[in-house]
Amino acid sequence: MVGVGARSGAPAVEVLALVGAVLAEAGVPPDRVRALATVTAKGREPGLLRAAEALGVPLETYAAEHLAAVPVPHPSARVRAAAGTPSVAEAAALAGGGVLLVPKRASRGPDGGPGRVTCAVAAQAD
């Protein structure tokens, strides 16, 4: 499961670049991804929908309250203020159970500064 957080307007190319890098770090081939997952408020973001389509997987969404109940290693007060949960990427990756393979990573913007996407990968329990 790939958890993704994104600021509004984040393009699919930025989402796909980060997802690809995080999957490579985890040693997980893209064809093993079951879904992209995010908070419900981001479920209609064009960049996330296009990225999921490009990967051939659904975009699953979880209520902020559900994600807030998932224990994560890197909670953020800033994310809690913006999204209603202290984690989107890590919590969404872990929402279905499993173990975190790669904790939250952030994309880089075109100028090398902060990007608009975060991503984490979890292996689901069989």
Protein backbone atom coordinates (compact mmCIF):
# COMPACT_ATOMS: atom_id res chain seq x y z
CA MET A 1 0.00 0.00 0.00
CA VAL A 2 1.33 3.43 -0.92
CA GLY A 3 0.14 6.30 1.24
CA VAL A 4 0.23 9.72 -0.36
CA GLY A 5 -0.29 13.20 0.99
CA ALA A 6 -0.45 16.17 -1.36
CA ARG A 7 -1.05 19.87 -1.36
CA SER A 8 -3.85 21.03 -3.62
CA GLY A 9 -2.79 21.17 -7.24
CA ALA A 10 0.15 18.78 -6.91
CA PRO A 11 0.70 17.37 -10.42
CA ALA A 12 0.64 13.67 -11.23
CA VAL A 13 4.22 13.85 -12.48
CA GLU A 14 5.41 14.92 -9.01
CA VAL A 15 3.32 12.21 -7.34
CA LEU A 16 4.60 9.52 -9.72
CA ALA A 17 8.24 10.61 -9.35
CA LEU A 18 8.10 10.38 -5.57
CA VAL A 19 6.10 7.13 -5.57
CA GLY A 20 8.66 5.61 -7.96
CA ALA A 21 11.58 6.70 -5.78
CA VAL A 22 9.97 5.40 -2.59
CA LEU A 23 9.03 2.08 -4.19
CA ALA A 24 12.63 1.70 -5.39
CA GLU A 25 13.87 2.45 -1.87
CA ALA A 26 11.52 -0.23 -0.52
CA GLY A 27 12.56 -2.71 -3.20
CA VAL A 28 8.94 -3.03 -4.31
CA PRO A 29 8.19 -3.20 -8.03
CA PRO A 30 5.35 -0.91 -9.17
CA ASP A 31 3.25 -3.89 -10.27
CA ARG A 32 3.02 -4.99 -6.61
CA VAL A 33 1.20 -1.82 -5.55
CA ARG A 34 -2.37 -2.61 -4.52
CA ALA A 35 -3.56 1.01 -4.22
CA LEU A 36 -2.64 4.60 -3.57
CA ALA A 37 -4.27 5.77 -0.35
CA THR A 38 -4.92 9.22 1.05
CA VAL A 39 -7.24 11.24 3.25
CA THR A 40 -10.82 11.66 2.01
CA ALA A 41 -10.39 15.41 1.54
CA LYS A 42 -7.78 14.72 -1.17
CA GLY A 43 -9.72 11.97 -2.93
CA ARG A 44 -10.69 14.19 -5.86
CA GLU A 45 -7.26 15.75 -6.42
CA PRO A 46 -6.52 15.43 -10.16
CA GLY A 47 -2.82 14.71 -9.60
CA LEU A 48 -3.57 11.82 -7.24
CA LEU A 49 -6.29 10.41 -9.48
CA ARG A 50 -4.05 10.58 -12.55
CA ALA A 51 -1.15 8.97 -10.67
CA ALA A 52 -3.35 6.10 -9.52
CA GLU A 53 -4.63 5.66 -13.07
CA ALA A 54 -1.08 5.65 -14.46
CA LEU A 55 -0.16 2.93 -11.95
CA GLY A 56 -3.32 0.98 -12.77
CA VAL A 57 -4.54 0.99 -9.16
CA PRO A 58 -7.45 2.56 -7.30
CA LEU A 59 -7.15 5.66 -5.14
CA GLU A 60 -8.48 4.62 -1.75
CA THR A 61 -9.50 7.26 0.76
CA TYR A 62 -9.84 7.25 4.52
CA ALA A 63 -11.58 9.72 6.80
CA ALA A 64 -9.23 11.99 8.73
CA GLU A 65 -10.62 10.54 11.98
CA HIS A 66 -9.67 7.03 10.86
CA LEU A 67 -6.14 8.10 9.90
CA ALA A 68 -5.73 10.00 13.18
CA ALA A 69 -6.23 6.71 15.05
CA VAL A 70 -3.39 4.95 13.18
CA PRO A 71 -0.09 5.04 15.13
CA VAL A 72 2.72 6.50 13.00
CA PRO A 73 6.41 7.19 13.63
CA HIS A 74 6.39 10.79 12.33
CA PRO A 75 3.23 12.67 13.35
CA SER A 76 3.06 16.35 12.44
CA ALA A 77 1.20 19.16 14.18
CA ARG A 78 1.23 21.09 10.88
CA VAL A 79 -0.43 18.20 9.04
CA ARG A 80 -2.97 17.84 11.87
CA ALA A 81 -3.89 21.52 11.52
CA ALA A 82 -4.26 21.24 7.74
CA ALA A 83 -5.79 17.78 7.35
CA GLY A 84 -7.38 16.90 10.69
CA THR A 85 -4.95 14.02 11.23
CA PRO A 86 -1.29 14.07 12.35
CA SER A 87 -0.33 11.92 9.34
CA VAL A 88 -1.63 11.33 5.85
CA ALA A 89 1.07 9.39 3.96
CA GLU A 90 2.19 7.05 6.76
CA ALA A 91 -1.28 6.58 8.25
CA ALA A 92 -2.85 5.92 4.83
CA ALA A 93 -0.13 3.37 4.02
CA LEU A 94 -0.77 1.62 7.33
CA ALA A 95 -4.57 2.00 7.45
CA GLY A 96 -5.20 -1.53 6.23
CA GLY A 97 -2.69 -3.09 8.61
CA GLY A 98 0.81 -4.22 7.81
CA VAL A 99 4.26 -2.87 8.46
CA LEU A 100 5.89 0.34 7.28
CA LEU A 101 8.66 -0.37 4.76
CA VAL A 102 9.57 3.25 4.00
CA PRO A 103 8.47 6.08 6.29
CA LYS A 104 7.25 9.41 4.98
CA ARG A 105 9.38 10.96 2.27
CA ALA A 106 8.76 14.36 0.70
CA SER A 107 9.15 15.45 -2.89
CA ARG A 108 11.35 18.32 -3.98
CA GLY A 109 10.01 21.28 -5.87
CA PRO A 110 11.36 22.30 -9.28
CA ASP A 111 13.63 24.86 -7.58
CA GLY A 112 15.03 22.22 -5.20
CA GLY A 113 12.92 23.51 -2.30
CA PRO A 114 10.05 21.70 -0.61
CA GLY A 115 7.68 19.87 -2.90
CA ARG A 116 3.95 19.29 -2.66
CA VAL A 117 3.80 15.52 -2.11
CA THR A 118 4.60 13.05 0.68
CA CYS A 119 4.68 9.29 0.33
CA ALA A 120 5.15 6.19 2.49
CA VAL A 121 5.01 2.46 1.71
CA ALA A 122 3.69 -0.37 3.86
CA ALA A 123 3.58 -4.10 3.23
CA GLN A 124 0.19 -5.52 4.01
CA ALA A 125 -0.13 -8.61 6.15
CA ASP A 126 -1.23 -11.67 4.17
